[in-house]
Amino acid sequence: VSLLAYNIVNFTRTLCFTQGSANMQVDTIRLKLFKVAGKLVRTGRRLLLKLSSYHVHQGLFYQVLGNIQQLCW
């Protein structure tokens, strides 16, 4: 399972990160992006991820999230 998680993060890094942040290590990515306090709320029609209004790395988080959303399979 850890190998699969590592490969997913590495694949995301190569596709969705900018030039400046593409060379970050997996541990740094996990610390900055995945260790964020939030709450997942399920409504009748969709899932909402509610994050804190202030986060140190929120610019990078939303930039990577936007890049992930733009991927076309």
N, C-alpha and C. Protein backbone atom coordinates (compact mmCIF):
# COMPACT_ATOMS: atom_id res chain seq x y z
N VAL A 1 0.82 -1.18 0.00
CA VAL A 1 0.00 0.00 0.00
C VAL A 1 0.87 1.25 0.00
N SER A 2 1.97 1.23 0.76
CA SER A 2 2.84 2.40 0.80
C SER A 2 3.51 2.64 -0.55
N LEU A 3 3.82 1.58 -1.27
CA LEU A 3 4.40 1.71 -2.59
C LEU A 3 3.41 2.36 -3.56
N LEU A 4 2.16 1.96 -3.47
CA LEU A 4 1.12 2.56 -4.31
C LEU A 4 0.94 4.04 -3.97
N ALA A 5 0.91 4.38 -2.69
CA ALA A 5 0.76 5.77 -2.28
C ALA A 5 1.95 6.61 -2.76
N TYR A 6 3.16 6.07 -2.66
CA TYR A 6 4.34 6.78 -3.13
C TYR A 6 4.25 7.04 -4.63
N ASN A 7 3.84 6.04 -5.38
CA ASN A 7 3.74 6.20 -6.83
C ASN A 7 2.67 7.21 -7.23
N ILE A 8 1.56 7.25 -6.50
CA ILE A 8 0.51 8.24 -6.79
C ILE A 8 1.04 9.65 -6.53
N VAL A 9 1.72 9.86 -5.41
CA VAL A 9 2.27 11.18 -5.12
C VAL A 9 3.33 11.56 -6.13
N ASN A 10 4.17 10.64 -6.52
CA ASN A 10 5.22 10.91 -7.50
C ASN A 10 4.62 11.22 -8.86
N PHE A 11 3.59 10.50 -9.26
CA PHE A 11 2.90 10.74 -10.53
C PHE A 11 2.22 12.11 -10.51
N THR A 12 1.60 12.47 -9.40
CA THR A 12 0.97 13.79 -9.26
C THR A 12 2.01 14.89 -9.32
N ARG A 13 3.16 14.65 -8.71
CA ARG A 13 4.22 15.66 -8.72
C ARG A 13 4.70 15.94 -10.13
N THR A 14 4.85 14.92 -10.93
CA THR A 14 5.35 15.13 -12.28
C THR A 14 4.32 15.77 -13.19
N LEU A 15 3.03 15.54 -12.95
CA LEU A 15 1.99 16.09 -13.83
C LEU A 15 1.45 17.43 -13.38
N CYS A 16 1.31 17.66 -12.10
CA CYS A 16 0.51 18.78 -11.61
C CYS A 16 1.29 19.89 -10.92
N PHE A 17 2.55 19.68 -10.63
CA PHE A 17 3.30 20.71 -9.92
C PHE A 17 4.02 21.62 -10.90
N THR A 18 4.29 22.84 -10.47
CA THR A 18 4.99 23.80 -11.31
C THR A 18 6.49 23.49 -11.30
N GLN A 19 7.23 24.23 -12.10
CA GLN A 19 8.67 23.99 -12.20
C GLN A 19 9.38 24.18 -10.86
N GLY A 20 8.97 25.17 -10.09
CA GLY A 20 9.64 25.44 -8.82
C GLY A 20 9.37 24.41 -7.75
N SER A 21 8.21 23.81 -7.78
CA SER A 21 7.85 22.86 -6.73
C SER A 21 7.90 21.41 -7.20
N ALA A 22 8.24 21.16 -8.43
CA ALA A 22 8.27 19.80 -8.95
C ALA A 22 9.44 18.99 -8.39
N ASN A 23 10.44 19.66 -7.84
CA ASN A 23 11.60 18.93 -7.33
C ASN A 23 11.52 18.68 -5.82
N MET A 24 10.35 18.93 -5.20
CA MET A 24 10.19 18.65 -3.78
C MET A 24 10.17 17.14 -3.54
N GLN A 25 10.64 16.75 -2.37
CA GLN A 25 10.61 15.34 -2.01
C GLN A 25 9.20 14.96 -1.58
N VAL A 26 8.93 13.67 -1.59
CA VAL A 26 7.60 13.17 -1.27
C VAL A 26 7.23 13.53 0.17
N ASP A 27 8.17 13.47 1.10
CA ASP A 27 7.87 13.82 2.49
C ASP A 27 7.49 15.30 2.62
N THR A 28 8.13 16.17 1.85
CA THR A 28 7.80 17.59 1.88
C THR A 28 6.41 17.84 1.30
N ILE A 29 6.07 17.15 0.23
CA ILE A 29 4.74 17.27 -0.36
C ILE A 29 3.68 16.82 0.62
N ARG A 30 3.93 15.71 1.27
CA ARG A 30 2.98 15.19 2.26
C ARG A 30 2.79 16.16 3.41
N LEU A 31 3.88 16.78 3.86
CA LEU A 31 3.80 17.72 4.97
C LEU A 31 3.05 18.99 4.58
N LYS A 32 3.29 19.50 3.37
CA LYS A 32 2.70 20.77 2.97
C LYS A 32 1.28 20.65 2.44
N LEU A 33 0.94 19.55 1.80
CA LEU A 33 -0.35 19.46 1.14
C LEU A 33 -1.34 18.52 1.81
N PHE A 34 -0.89 17.41 2.33
CA PHE A 34 -1.81 16.41 2.84
C PHE A 34 -2.07 16.52 4.34
N LYS A 35 -1.18 17.14 5.06
CA LYS A 35 -1.38 17.31 6.49
C LYS A 35 -2.05 18.66 6.74
N VAL A 36 -3.26 18.79 6.23
CA VAL A 36 -4.04 20.02 6.34
C VAL A 36 -5.32 19.68 7.08
N ALA A 37 -5.63 20.48 8.09
CA ALA A 37 -6.87 20.25 8.83
C ALA A 37 -8.06 20.62 7.95
N GLY A 38 -9.00 19.73 7.85
CA GLY A 38 -10.18 19.98 7.04
C GLY A 38 -11.31 19.07 7.45
N LYS A 39 -12.44 19.30 6.84
CA LYS A 39 -13.62 18.52 7.16
C LYS A 39 -14.34 18.19 5.85
N LEU A 40 -14.67 16.94 5.66
CA LEU A 40 -15.40 16.51 4.48
C LEU A 40 -16.88 16.43 4.83
N VAL A 41 -17.69 17.22 4.13
CA VAL A 41 -19.12 17.30 4.41
C VAL A 41 -19.88 16.75 3.22
N ARG A 42 -20.78 15.85 3.46
CA ARG A 42 -21.60 15.26 2.40
C ARG A 42 -22.97 15.91 2.42
N THR A 43 -23.34 16.53 1.30
CA THR A 43 -24.67 17.10 1.17
C THR A 43 -25.49 16.15 0.32
N GLY A 44 -26.68 16.56 -0.05
CA GLY A 44 -27.54 15.70 -0.86
C GLY A 44 -26.99 15.42 -2.23
N ARG A 45 -26.23 16.36 -2.80
CA ARG A 45 -25.77 16.20 -4.18
C ARG A 45 -24.26 16.14 -4.36
N ARG A 46 -23.51 16.58 -3.39
CA ARG A 46 -22.06 16.62 -3.60
C ARG A 46 -21.29 16.50 -2.30
N LEU A 47 -20.00 16.34 -2.43
CA LEU A 47 -19.09 16.32 -1.30
C LEU A 47 -18.35 17.65 -1.25
N LEU A 48 -18.26 18.23 -0.08
CA LEU A 48 -17.55 19.49 0.10
C LEU A 48 -16.37 19.27 1.03
N LEU A 49 -15.23 19.79 0.64
CA LEU A 49 -14.05 19.75 1.49
C LEU A 49 -13.88 21.13 2.09
N LYS A 50 -14.13 21.26 3.36
CA LYS A 50 -14.02 22.55 4.05
C LYS A 50 -12.66 22.62 4.71
N LEU A 51 -11.88 23.58 4.27
CA LEU A 51 -10.55 23.79 4.81
C LEU A 51 -10.54 25.04 5.68
N SER A 52 -9.50 25.20 6.44
CA SER A 52 -9.34 26.39 7.25
C SER A 52 -9.22 27.61 6.34
N SER A 53 -9.66 28.75 6.81
CA SER A 53 -9.58 29.96 5.98
C SER A 53 -8.15 30.45 5.83
N TYR A 54 -7.26 29.99 6.69
CA TYR A 54 -5.86 30.38 6.59
C TYR A 54 -5.00 29.13 6.71
N HIS A 55 -4.15 28.95 5.73
CA HIS A 55 -3.20 27.84 5.73
C HIS A 55 -1.92 28.36 5.12
N VAL A 56 -0.80 27.99 5.65
CA VAL A 56 0.48 28.53 5.21
C VAL A 56 0.74 28.23 3.73
N HIS A 57 0.39 27.05 3.28
CA HIS A 57 0.68 26.62 1.92
C HIS A 57 -0.58 26.56 1.07
N GLN A 58 -1.56 27.40 1.34
CA GLN A 58 -2.83 27.30 0.61
C GLN A 58 -2.69 27.71 -0.85
N GLY A 59 -1.78 28.58 -1.19
CA GLY A 59 -1.56 28.95 -2.59
C GLY A 59 -1.10 27.75 -3.41
N LEU A 60 -0.13 27.02 -2.89
CA LEU A 60 0.36 25.82 -3.56
C LEU A 60 -0.72 24.75 -3.62
N PHE A 61 -1.48 24.60 -2.55
CA PHE A 61 -2.54 23.60 -2.51
C PHE A 61 -3.57 23.86 -3.60
N TYR A 62 -4.05 25.09 -3.71
CA TYR A 62 -5.08 25.39 -4.70
C TYR A 62 -4.53 25.38 -6.13
N GLN A 63 -3.25 25.69 -6.29
CA GLN A 63 -2.63 25.62 -7.61
C GLN A 63 -2.55 24.16 -8.07
N VAL A 64 -2.12 23.28 -7.21
CA VAL A 64 -2.03 21.86 -7.56
C VAL A 64 -3.43 21.28 -7.77
N LEU A 65 -4.39 21.67 -6.93
CA LEU A 65 -5.76 21.22 -7.10
C LEU A 65 -6.34 21.66 -8.44
N GLY A 66 -6.08 22.89 -8.84
CA GLY A 66 -6.53 23.37 -10.14
C GLY A 66 -5.90 22.59 -11.29
N ASN A 67 -4.62 22.27 -11.16
CA ASN A 67 -3.94 21.49 -12.19
C ASN A 67 -4.49 20.07 -12.27
N ILE A 68 -4.85 19.50 -11.14
CA ILE A 68 -5.44 18.16 -11.13
C ILE A 68 -6.81 18.20 -11.82
N GLN A 69 -7.59 19.24 -11.54
CA GLN A 69 -8.91 19.36 -12.14
C GLN A 69 -8.85 19.57 -13.65
N GLN A 70 -7.75 20.13 -14.16
CA GLN A 70 -7.62 20.38 -15.59
C GLN A 70 -7.14 19.16 -16.38
N LEU A 71 -6.71 18.12 -15.67
CA LEU A 71 -6.26 16.91 -16.38
C LEU A 71 -7.44 16.27 -17.11
N CYS A 72 -7.20 15.92 -18.33
CA CYS A 72 -8.24 15.22 -19.13
C CYS A 72 -7.78 13.80 -19.34
N TRP A 73 -8.64 12.87 -19.00
CA TRP A 73 -8.29 11.47 -19.18
C TRP A 73 -8.89 11.04 -20.45
